Amino acid sequence: MTAIAIDAGTTTIKAVGYADDGTELAVSRQPTQVSRPRPGWSEQDMSEVWAAVCTAVREVLTALPEPPGMVALTAQGDGAWLVDGRGRPTGPAVLWNDGRAAARVTAWERDGVVEEAFRITGSRVSTGMPNAVLSWLGEHDPDRVARSEHLLTCGGWLYLRLTGEPAVDESDASAPFMDIRRRAWSDRLFELYGLEWARRLLPPLRDDEHRVTALSGAAAAETGLPAGVPVVMAPYDICATAIGAGVVDVGQACCILGTTLAAEAVTDTVVTDDPVGITVTLGVPGRYLRAFPTMSGCDVLDWGARLLGVASAADLMALAAQGGRDTAGVRFVPYLSPAGERAPFFDPTARGSLSGLSLDAGREDVARALVEGVTMTIRDCLAAATGTPERLALCGGGARSDFWPQLIADMTGLAVTVPLDAEVGARGAWLTGLVATGREADFPTAAARHLAYAVAYEPDAARSAEFTGRYADFLRLRERSEPVWALDHERLRPGGGAPS
């Protein structure tokens, strides 16, 4: 039986066709646009995202030897994808990296709301989470809220289009409204955020035992898929990617090198006394994912490529590989998102900087400093995670470079593995589908049977020792930058307002 897995990322929709034994038969990648109509805003046209899914699925279908017997879905998380009672968007999707609600989150921080909420959810509030976005919309666009019937995430939106059923997976729901231990909506959280009025918008929760619904006739007509085929709602992308990398048990860890860098480790407990990062249900029974998804990731490398006049992030890596080991003294703080940073610390005013520049530094040294600065955040996030993993699996486009995985191994002191699959999130959704439909007994068995690794990197002891000192310097430089962030934030407030 063939199958199709969909991974709806922020900038690319991926659809992968699999043979019964897990062999990739076809891959389609469709770009999607992120709109930034005002400073700090980040939006997508929901209908265009669905159209890209339909195009990707139709392309894969043409390469399959038979109609698929299963469709599995994972997608970007957080944000607010609002629809009316007929399932139609009431406006553009507000994305996970949107910063318009920074002032609201800062107020919650000041008033102790964030700390109390963390004790219930195990997740740190950020500006792109549904509670922050809803709070902003309730004040600035109440008409849209009044016209909306369901608050969905990207995965929930696509599941609605595929099946006709509004729903949210527990991984998506873990923050900001779910009691992570009870795995149920929390009345206290709605009270804390002043969002009691928003309770009506939340769709039904889907747990590990209720992932499967039949494809609707309308979706069959748009996608070319056979009507009635099982559609599996897999956990959202950071969880699906962990599963696709074989990170399914306690003590295992991975890092997604994507639009966000997400360093994440599997645990069987929930941490609620240290308000950093997020904890979500993994989608594997009895397991949680302690994750640190940053606001700035590989998009920083794309920016660096444009800055230095090279064609792509891959070319930036090649240039960085020519730089000196000391980068000629150049150092980079990588917080370039207009929404600031959320992991492993929260500060909506955080901004990036290049320092230590001199006439001794060449383009290759600046390139290497940019890559090292981004890599520092991976070490920073792992330091905040629970326990010390034995190895680190790397996923995402950045893992296809030889230079960066070795740098990550040296920076973290961990052995690094790279899965054979290019689309690891789709593989994780497919594995979830196998378990959800009873074709595999459990996740460890499915991972052992269907996953392979392309390459491994061992850390160089001498380089790891060097980076320990450089990491300490990185933390000091960040600390000294914080007063400048605050001044800039006061001068030019995010969220569409005029400069004060």
Protein backbone atom coordinates (compact mmCIF):
# COMPACT_ATOMS: atom_id res chain seq x y z
CA MET A 1 0.00 0.00 0.00
CA THR A 2 1.36 3.41 -0.92
CA ALA A 3 0.88 6.49 1.25
CA ILE A 4 1.32 10.27 1.06
CA ALA A 5 2.66 12.44 3.88
CA ILE A 6 2.22 16.22 3.86
CA ASP A 7 4.51 18.56 5.77
CA ALA A 8 3.22 22.13 5.59
CA GLY A 9 6.12 24.35 6.63
CA THR A 10 6.20 28.12 6.86
CA THR A 11 7.74 28.75 3.45
CA THR A 12 7.45 25.38 1.69
CA ILE A 13 4.72 22.74 1.42
CA LYS A 14 6.16 19.24 1.03
CA ALA A 15 4.32 16.12 -0.10
CA VAL A 16 6.10 12.76 -0.14
CA GLY A 17 4.87 9.50 -1.64
CA TYR A 18 5.95 6.28 0.09
CA ALA A 19 5.93 2.65 -0.97
CA ASP A 20 4.73 0.00 1.45
CA ASP A 21 8.29 -0.59 2.69
CA GLY A 22 8.90 3.13 3.25
CA THR A 23 10.85 3.83 0.08
CA GLU A 24 10.36 7.42 -1.13
CA LEU A 25 8.66 7.29 -4.53
CA ALA A 26 8.14 10.99 -5.16
CA VAL A 27 8.57 14.40 -3.53
CA SER A 28 6.88 17.68 -4.40
CA ARG A 29 7.87 21.00 -2.86
CA GLN A 30 5.66 24.05 -3.33
CA PRO A 31 6.71 27.49 -2.09
CA THR A 32 4.38 29.61 0.01
CA GLN A 33 4.57 33.33 0.67
CA VAL A 34 4.89 35.03 4.05
CA SER A 35 3.50 38.55 4.06
CA ARG A 36 4.83 41.27 6.37
CA PRO A 37 2.36 44.14 5.81
CA ARG A 38 3.59 46.08 8.86
CA PRO A 39 6.72 45.99 11.03
CA GLY A 40 6.62 42.92 13.26
CA TRP A 41 3.70 41.28 11.44
CA SER A 42 3.88 37.85 9.76
CA GLU A 43 0.89 36.47 7.85
CA GLN A 44 -0.13 33.95 5.20
CA ASP A 45 -3.09 33.65 2.86
CA MET A 46 -4.83 30.49 4.11
CA SER A 47 -6.38 29.68 0.76
CA GLU A 48 -3.00 29.90 -0.96
CA VAL A 49 -1.54 27.45 1.57
CA TRP A 50 -4.35 24.99 0.83
CA ALA A 51 -3.86 25.46 -2.92
CA ALA A 52 -0.16 24.66 -2.53
CA VAL A 53 -1.07 21.44 -0.67
CA CYS A 54 -3.42 20.43 -3.48
CA THR A 55 -0.73 21.08 -6.09
CA ALA A 56 1.91 19.12 -4.16
CA VAL A 57 -0.42 16.16 -3.61
CA ARG A 58 -1.48 16.03 -7.27
CA GLU A 59 2.17 16.04 -8.38
CA VAL A 60 3.01 13.11 -6.10
CA LEU A 61 -0.08 11.17 -7.17
CA THR A 62 1.14 11.07 -10.77
CA ALA A 63 4.26 9.19 -9.66
CA LEU A 64 2.55 6.55 -7.49
CA PRO A 65 1.89 3.07 -8.93
CA GLU A 66 -1.49 2.89 -7.17
CA PRO A 67 -3.84 5.20 -5.22
CA PRO A 68 -2.56 5.82 -1.69
CA GLY A 69 -4.14 3.92 1.17
CA MET A 70 -3.34 6.62 3.73
CA VAL A 71 -2.63 10.35 3.96
CA ALA A 72 -0.73 11.74 6.97
CA LEU A 73 -0.41 15.44 7.81
CA THR A 74 1.92 17.60 9.87
CA ALA A 75 2.37 21.38 9.74
CA GLN A 76 3.85 24.48 11.33
CA GLY A 77 2.50 25.24 14.80
CA ASP A 78 1.17 28.16 16.86
CA GLY A 79 -0.29 31.25 15.25
CA ALA A 80 -4.00 31.85 14.65
CA TRP A 81 -5.80 30.39 11.63
CA LEU A 82 -9.36 31.60 12.15
CA VAL A 83 -12.37 30.31 10.20
CA ASP A 84 -16.09 30.99 10.26
CA GLY A 85 -18.92 28.50 10.74
CA ARG A 86 -18.62 27.32 7.13
CA GLY A 87 -14.88 26.75 7.40
CA ARG A 88 -13.92 29.86 5.44
CA PRO A 89 -10.97 32.04 6.55
CA THR A 90 -12.02 35.26 8.26
CA GLY A 91 -8.69 36.88 7.32
CA PRO A 92 -5.05 35.95 6.81
CA ALA A 93 -3.38 33.48 9.14
CA VAL A 94 -1.27 35.17 11.81
CA LEU A 95 1.91 33.09 12.07
CA TRP A 96 4.04 31.74 14.89
CA ASN A 97 6.75 34.37 14.26
CA ASP A 98 4.38 37.35 14.35
CA GLY A 99 5.39 40.09 16.79
CA ARG A 100 2.40 42.43 16.93
CA ALA A 101 1.43 41.25 20.42
CA ALA A 102 4.82 42.00 22.00
CA ALA A 103 3.42 44.64 24.34
CA ARG A 104 0.71 42.27 25.54
CA VAL A 105 3.19 39.48 26.29
CA THR A 106 5.50 41.93 28.05
CA ALA A 107 2.59 43.01 30.26
CA TRP A 108 1.79 39.36 31.09
CA GLU A 109 5.44 38.93 31.99
CA ARG A 110 5.38 41.97 34.26
CA ASP A 111 2.16 40.90 35.97
CA GLY A 112 3.30 37.33 36.71
CA VAL A 113 0.86 35.77 34.23
CA VAL A 114 3.62 34.10 32.21
CA GLU A 115 5.15 32.40 35.25
CA GLU A 116 1.82 31.12 36.58
CA ALA A 117 0.76 29.90 33.14
CA PHE A 118 4.05 28.04 32.74
CA ARG A 119 3.27 26.03 35.88
CA ILE A 120 0.17 24.73 34.08
CA THR A 121 1.37 24.37 30.49
CA GLY A 122 5.13 23.85 30.83
CA SER A 123 5.48 26.27 27.89
CA ARG A 124 6.73 29.83 27.76
CA VAL A 125 4.34 32.29 26.15
CA SER A 126 5.60 34.02 23.00
CA THR A 127 4.13 36.67 20.74
CA GLY A 128 3.03 34.25 18.00
CA MET A 129 1.09 31.90 20.26
CA PRO A 130 -2.71 31.83 19.84
CA ASN A 131 -3.42 33.50 23.20
CA ALA A 132 -1.25 36.52 22.38
CA VAL A 133 -2.65 36.85 18.86
CA LEU A 134 -6.25 36.52 20.06
CA SER A 135 -5.70 39.11 22.76
CA TRP A 136 -4.38 41.54 20.15
CA LEU A 137 -7.20 40.80 17.69
CA GLY A 138 -9.80 41.18 20.41
CA GLU A 139 -8.63 44.76 20.92
CA HIS A 140 -7.68 45.76 17.38
CA ASP A 141 -9.95 43.65 15.13
CA PRO A 142 -12.99 42.61 17.18
CA ASP A 143 -15.13 42.25 14.04
CA ARG A 144 -12.90 39.45 12.78
CA VAL A 145 -13.10 37.68 16.12
CA ALA A 146 -16.91 37.98 16.11
CA ARG A 147 -17.06 36.44 12.61
CA SER A 148 -14.82 33.51 13.59
CA GLU A 149 -16.09 30.13 14.73
CA HIS A 150 -12.88 28.13 15.21
CA LEU A 151 -9.31 28.93 16.20
CA LEU A 152 -7.10 26.51 14.27
CA THR A 153 -3.41 26.04 13.63
CA CYS A 154 -2.03 25.36 10.16
CA GLY A 155 -2.41 21.60 10.72
CA GLY A 156 -5.97 22.07 11.92
CA TRP A 157 -6.81 24.24 8.90
CA LEU A 158 -5.53 21.65 6.45
CA TYR A 159 -7.22 18.81 8.36
CA LEU A 160 -10.49 20.75 8.14
CA ARG A 161 -10.05 21.10 4.38
CA LEU A 162 -9.20 17.41 4.01
CA THR A 163 -11.90 15.96 6.26
CA GLY A 164 -14.46 18.68 6.97
CA GLU A 165 -13.83 18.31 10.73
CA PRO A 166 -12.43 21.11 12.93
CA ALA A 167 -9.86 19.68 15.33
CA VAL A 168 -6.55 20.35 17.06
CA ASP A 169 -3.88 17.78 17.90
CA GLU A 170 -2.71 17.71 21.52
CA SER A 171 0.80 18.73 20.46
CA ASP A 172 -0.58 21.92 18.89
CA ALA A 173 -2.88 22.45 21.87
CA SER A 174 -0.20 21.95 24.54
CA ALA A 175 0.42 25.70 24.56
CA PRO A 176 -1.12 28.00 25.48
CA PHE A 177 -4.51 26.76 26.75
CA MET A 178 -3.94 23.13 27.80
CA ASP A 179 -3.09 21.74 31.22
CA ILE A 180 -0.17 19.59 30.07
CA ARG A 181 -0.49 17.05 32.90
CA ARG A 182 -4.29 16.66 32.64
CA ARG A 183 -4.16 16.94 28.82
CA ALA A 184 -7.32 19.04 28.82
CA TRP A 185 -8.26 22.69 28.33
CA SER A 186 -7.61 24.75 31.46
CA ASP A 187 -10.21 27.25 32.70
CA ARG A 188 -7.54 28.96 34.77
CA LEU A 189 -5.44 29.75 31.70
CA PHE A 190 -8.33 31.55 30.00
CA GLU A 191 -8.81 33.58 33.18
CA LEU A 192 -5.11 34.45 33.41
CA TYR A 193 -5.00 35.78 29.85
CA GLY A 194 -8.34 37.58 30.15
CA LEU A 195 -9.63 35.44 27.29
CA GLU A 196 -12.68 33.75 28.77
CA TRP A 197 -14.56 35.02 25.73
CA ALA A 198 -12.28 33.00 23.42
CA ARG A 199 -13.14 29.59 24.91
CA ARG A 200 -15.90 29.13 22.32
CA LEU A 201 -13.33 29.23 19.52
CA LEU A 202 -11.37 26.15 20.56
CA PRO A 203 -12.04 23.02 18.45
CA PRO A 204 -12.18 19.46 19.82
CA LEU A 205 -8.89 17.98 21.07
CA ARG A 206 -7.47 14.97 19.24
CA ASP A 207 -5.27 12.64 21.33
CA ASP A 208 -3.04 9.74 20.30
CA GLU A 209 -6.05 7.42 19.97
CA HIS A 210 -8.15 9.69 17.76
CA ARG A 211 -6.00 10.75 14.82
CA VAL A 212 -7.87 9.22 11.88
CA THR A 213 -10.78 10.59 9.81
CA ALA A 214 -11.87 9.78 6.25
CA LEU A 215 -11.08 12.17 3.38
CA SER A 216 -14.12 14.17 2.33
CA GLY A 217 -15.61 14.10 -1.14
CA ALA A 218 -14.89 17.81 -1.59
CA ALA A 219 -11.21 17.32 -0.73
CA ALA A 220 -11.03 14.34 -3.07
CA ALA A 221 -12.20 16.54 -5.94
CA GLU A 222 -9.56 19.21 -5.19
CA THR A 223 -6.60 16.95 -4.47
CA GLY A 224 -7.22 13.95 -6.72
CA LEU A 225 -7.04 11.63 -3.70
CA PRO A 226 -9.59 8.81 -3.41
CA ALA A 227 -12.61 9.78 -1.31
CA GLY A 228 -12.76 8.02 2.05
CA VAL A 229 -9.01 7.34 2.31
CA PRO A 230 -7.86 7.58 5.97
CA VAL A 231 -6.39 10.97 6.88
CA VAL A 232 -4.08 10.94 9.91
CA MET A 233 -3.53 14.09 11.94
CA ALA A 234 0.09 13.71 13.05
CA PRO A 235 1.60 15.96 15.75
CA TYR A 236 2.84 19.32 14.57
CA ASP A 237 6.09 19.71 12.73
CA ILE A 238 8.67 19.87 15.51
CA CYS A 239 7.25 16.65 16.97
CA ALA A 240 6.85 14.92 13.61
CA THR A 241 10.43 15.81 12.75
CA ALA A 242 11.70 14.32 16.01
CA ILE A 243 9.79 11.12 15.25
CA GLY A 244 11.11 11.10 11.69
CA ALA A 245 14.66 11.38 13.06
CA GLY A 246 14.10 8.39 15.36
CA VAL A 247 13.97 10.58 18.47
CA VAL A 248 11.14 8.74 20.20
CA ASP A 249 12.46 7.80 23.65
CA VAL A 250 13.80 9.45 26.77
CA GLY A 251 17.31 10.90 26.43
CA GLN A 252 17.25 11.22 22.66
CA ALA A 253 17.56 14.67 21.04
CA CYS A 254 17.48 16.40 17.69
CA CYS A 255 17.75 19.85 16.19
CA ILE A 256 15.72 21.15 13.27
CA LEU A 257 17.77 23.41 11.03
CA GLY A 258 14.87 25.23 9.44
CA THR A 259 13.19 28.62 9.46
CA THR A 260 13.27 28.13 13.20
CA LEU A 261 16.11 26.29 14.90
CA ALA A 262 14.44 23.88 17.31
CA ALA A 263 16.67 21.96 19.70
CA GLU A 264 14.52 19.34 21.41
CA ALA A 265 14.82 16.37 23.73
CA VAL A 266 12.38 13.59 24.65
CA THR A 267 11.33 13.27 28.29
CA ASP A 268 8.75 11.39 30.33
CA THR A 269 8.25 14.26 32.79
CA VAL A 270 7.00 17.82 32.58
CA VAL A 271 9.16 20.73 33.79
CA THR A 272 7.07 23.59 35.19
CA ASP A 273 9.51 25.40 37.50
CA ASP A 274 11.85 27.01 34.96
CA PRO A 275 9.88 29.23 32.53
CA VAL A 276 11.89 28.77 29.34
CA GLY A 277 11.15 26.76 26.19
CA ILE A 278 8.05 24.70 25.61
CA THR A 279 6.87 21.23 26.57
CA VAL A 280 4.39 19.52 24.26
CA THR A 281 2.96 16.05 23.90
CA LEU A 282 5.20 14.22 21.46
CA GLY A 283 2.57 11.99 19.89
CA VAL A 284 4.34 8.94 21.34
CA PRO A 285 2.39 7.51 24.32
CA GLY A 286 3.88 8.60 27.64
CA ARG A 287 6.46 10.90 26.06
CA TYR A 288 6.82 14.68 25.91
CA LEU A 289 9.05 16.91 23.82
CA ARG A 290 11.02 19.57 25.66
CA ALA A 291 11.73 22.00 22.85
CA PHE A 292 13.40 25.33 22.30
CA PRO A 293 12.18 26.70 18.96
CA THR A 294 13.98 29.95 18.21
CA MET A 295 12.55 32.91 16.36
CA SER A 296 15.65 33.20 14.16
CA GLY A 297 17.03 30.19 12.31
CA CYS A 298 18.12 29.48 8.76
CA ASP A 299 16.46 32.67 7.60
CA VAL A 300 19.40 34.40 9.30
CA LEU A 301 21.73 32.51 6.95
CA ASP A 302 19.63 33.56 3.95
CA TRP A 303 19.97 37.14 5.18
CA GLY A 304 23.73 36.66 5.56
CA ALA A 305 23.96 35.34 2.01
CA ARG A 306 22.24 38.48 0.71
CA LEU A 307 24.42 40.67 2.91
CA LEU A 308 27.64 39.17 1.55
CA GLY A 309 26.45 38.94 -2.05
CA VAL A 310 26.35 35.15 -2.45
CA ALA A 311 23.51 33.24 -4.08
CA SER A 312 22.28 31.06 -1.21
CA ALA A 313 22.81 29.82 2.32
CA ALA A 314 24.71 26.87 0.84
CA ASP A 315 27.11 29.32 -0.78
CA LEU A 316 27.41 31.15 2.54
CA MET A 317 28.46 27.84 4.15
CA ALA A 318 31.09 27.32 1.46
CA LEU A 319 32.42 30.83 2.08
CA ALA A 320 32.37 30.29 5.87
CA ALA A 321 34.44 27.12 5.47
CA GLN A 322 37.24 29.34 4.13
CA GLY A 323 37.20 31.62 7.18
CA GLY A 324 39.80 31.50 9.92
CA ARG A 325 39.13 29.45 13.03
CA ASP A 326 39.13 32.64 15.10
CA THR A 327 36.98 34.48 12.49
CA ALA A 328 39.53 37.34 12.72
CA GLY A 329 37.80 38.40 15.93
CA VAL A 330 34.38 38.92 14.35
CA ARG A 331 31.44 37.88 16.54
CA PHE A 332 27.74 37.67 15.69
CA VAL A 333 24.63 37.80 17.88
CA PRO A 334 21.93 36.23 15.69
CA TYR A 335 18.57 37.55 16.95
CA LEU A 336 17.26 39.03 13.69
CA SER A 337 13.54 38.27 13.98
CA PRO A 338 11.38 41.40 14.28
CA ALA A 339 9.57 39.49 17.05
CA GLY A 340 12.73 39.20 19.14
CA GLU A 341 13.61 35.84 20.66
CA ARG A 342 11.71 33.17 22.59
CA ALA A 343 14.23 30.35 23.17
CA PRO A 344 16.08 29.64 25.32
CA PHE A 345 15.14 33.06 26.72
CA PHE A 346 12.25 35.40 26.00
CA ASP A 347 12.81 38.99 24.93
CA PRO A 348 10.69 40.59 22.19
CA THR A 349 13.24 43.41 21.96
CA ALA A 350 16.21 41.10 21.18
CA ARG A 351 18.16 42.11 18.08
CA GLY A 352 21.26 40.92 16.25
CA SER A 353 24.67 42.53 15.96
CA LEU A 354 28.08 42.10 14.33
CA SER A 355 31.06 43.14 16.44
CA GLY A 356 34.83 42.86 16.42
CA LEU A 357 35.10 44.02 12.83
CA SER A 358 38.49 45.20 11.61
CA LEU A 359 40.45 45.55 8.38
CA ASP A 360 41.88 42.10 9.12
CA ALA A 361 38.47 40.48 8.57
CA GLY A 362 37.49 39.23 5.13
CA ARG A 363 34.10 38.19 3.76
CA GLU A 364 34.91 34.59 4.65
CA ASP A 365 35.53 35.54 8.30
CA VAL A 366 32.24 37.42 8.48
CA ALA A 367 30.48 34.42 6.89
CA ARG A 368 32.02 32.06 9.43
CA ALA A 369 31.05 34.38 12.29
CA LEU A 370 27.45 34.43 11.03
CA VAL A 371 27.27 30.63 10.94
CA GLU A 372 28.99 30.28 14.32
CA GLY A 373 26.62 32.80 15.89
CA VAL A 374 23.60 30.84 14.73
CA THR A 375 25.24 27.62 15.94
CA MET A 376 25.78 29.16 19.38
CA THR A 377 22.01 29.23 19.81
CA ILE A 378 21.89 25.44 19.35
CA ARG A 379 24.37 24.97 22.20
CA ASP A 380 22.46 27.56 24.23
CA CYS A 381 19.17 25.69 23.78
CA LEU A 382 20.66 22.28 24.55
CA ALA A 383 22.15 23.70 27.74
CA ALA A 384 18.63 24.63 28.85
CA ALA A 385 17.13 21.23 27.96
CA THR A 386 16.62 18.36 30.39
CA GLY A 387 19.56 15.93 30.66
CA THR A 388 22.52 15.39 28.35
CA PRO A 389 21.89 13.34 25.20
CA GLU A 390 24.44 10.92 23.82
CA ARG A 391 23.91 12.09 20.26
CA LEU A 392 22.13 14.78 18.32
CA ALA A 393 20.13 14.09 15.15
CA LEU A 394 20.06 16.98 12.66
CA CYS A 395 17.15 17.63 10.31
CA GLY A 396 16.27 20.31 7.79
CA GLY A 397 18.00 21.93 4.86
CA GLY A 398 21.07 22.96 6.83
CA ALA A 399 21.89 19.31 7.57
CA ARG A 400 22.80 18.78 3.91
CA SER A 401 26.04 20.71 4.41
CA ASP A 402 29.20 18.91 5.55
CA PHE A 403 30.61 22.05 7.14
CA TRP A 404 27.68 22.91 9.42
CA PRO A 405 27.02 19.45 10.98
CA GLN A 406 30.72 19.15 11.85
CA LEU A 407 30.66 22.64 13.34
CA ILE A 408 27.60 21.69 15.40
CA ALA A 409 29.33 18.53 16.63
CA ASP A 410 32.38 20.59 17.66
CA MET A 411 30.26 23.35 19.21
CA THR A 412 28.07 21.00 21.29
CA GLY A 413 30.60 18.23 21.97
CA LEU A 414 27.99 15.68 20.81
CA ALA A 415 28.10 13.04 18.11
CA VAL A 416 25.84 14.21 15.30
CA THR A 417 23.79 12.03 12.94
CA VAL A 418 21.89 13.07 9.83
CA PRO A 419 18.86 11.00 8.75
CA LEU A 420 18.86 9.68 5.20
CA ASP A 421 15.51 11.32 4.43
CA ALA A 422 15.55 14.88 3.14
CA GLU A 423 11.97 15.41 4.38
CA VAL A 424 12.20 14.16 7.95
CA GLY A 425 8.95 15.79 9.09
CA ALA A 426 7.02 13.97 6.37
CA ARG A 427 8.71 10.72 7.41
CA GLY A 428 7.58 11.33 10.99
CA ALA A 429 4.01 11.97 9.85
CA TRP A 430 4.14 8.73 7.83
CA LEU A 431 5.42 6.76 10.83
CA THR A 432 2.63 8.27 12.93
CA GLY A 433 0.16 7.12 10.30
CA LEU A 434 1.54 3.58 10.41
CA VAL A 435 1.01 3.40 14.17
CA ALA A 436 -2.36 5.19 14.10
CA THR A 437 -3.75 2.81 11.46
CA GLY A 438 -2.36 -0.29 13.17
CA ARG A 439 0.25 -1.16 10.54
CA GLU A 440 3.00 -0.82 13.17
CA ALA A 441 2.66 -1.75 16.83
CA ASP A 442 4.58 1.18 18.33
CA PHE A 443 6.97 4.00 17.52
CA PRO A 444 10.29 2.39 18.56
CA THR A 445 9.50 -0.61 16.35
CA ALA A 446 8.44 1.58 13.44
CA ALA A 447 11.54 3.77 13.76
CA ALA A 448 13.90 0.80 13.93
CA ARG A 449 12.30 -0.75 10.85
CA HIS A 450 12.01 2.29 8.61
CA LEU A 451 14.77 4.80 9.48
CA ALA A 452 18.35 5.05 8.26
CA TYR A 453 21.12 7.59 8.71
CA ALA A 454 23.17 9.06 5.91
CA VAL A 455 26.24 10.21 7.79
CA ALA A 456 27.65 10.76 11.29
CA TYR A 457 30.04 13.40 12.66
CA GLU A 458 32.22 13.08 15.76
CA PRO A 459 33.26 16.16 17.74
CA ASP A 460 36.89 17.23 17.68
CA ALA A 461 38.01 17.49 21.32
CA ALA A 462 40.35 20.43 20.77
CA ARG A 463 37.75 22.43 18.82
CA SER A 464 35.10 21.66 21.44
CA ALA A 465 37.39 23.07 24.14
CA GLU A 466 37.89 26.24 22.07
CA PHE A 467 34.17 26.66 21.62
CA THR A 468 33.52 26.36 25.34
CA GLY A 469 35.42 29.61 25.79
CA ARG A 470 33.78 31.20 22.75
CA TYR A 471 30.36 30.25 24.09
CA ALA A 472 31.10 32.04 27.36
CA ASP A 473 32.11 35.10 25.31
CA PHE A 474 28.87 34.82 23.33
CA LEU A 475 26.79 34.90 26.53
CA ARG A 476 28.69 37.95 27.82
CA LEU A 477 28.25 39.77 24.52
CA ARG A 478 24.53 39.06 24.56
CA GLU A 479 24.23 40.35 28.11
CA ARG A 480 25.99 43.59 27.17
CA SER A 481 23.67 44.03 24.17
CA GLU A 482 20.44 43.90 26.17
CA PRO A 483 20.39 47.60 27.19
CA VAL A 484 20.74 48.57 23.51
CA TRP A 485 17.80 46.31 22.61
CA ALA A 486 15.60 48.08 25.15
CA LEU A 487 16.58 51.53 23.85
CA ASP A 488 15.83 50.56 20.24
CA HIS A 489 12.50 49.05 21.26
CA GLU A 490 11.45 52.30 22.90
CA ARG A 491 12.52 54.27 19.84
CA LEU A 492 10.65 52.15 17.31
CA ARG A 493 7.90 50.02 18.78
CA PRO A 494 6.80 46.86 16.86
CA GLY A 495 3.17 46.26 16.09
CA GLY A 496 2.40 48.87 13.48
CA GLY A 497 2.41 51.97 15.67
CA ALA A 498 4.29 55.13 14.81
CA PRO A 499 7.72 55.65 16.33
CA SER A 500 7.46 57.23 19.77
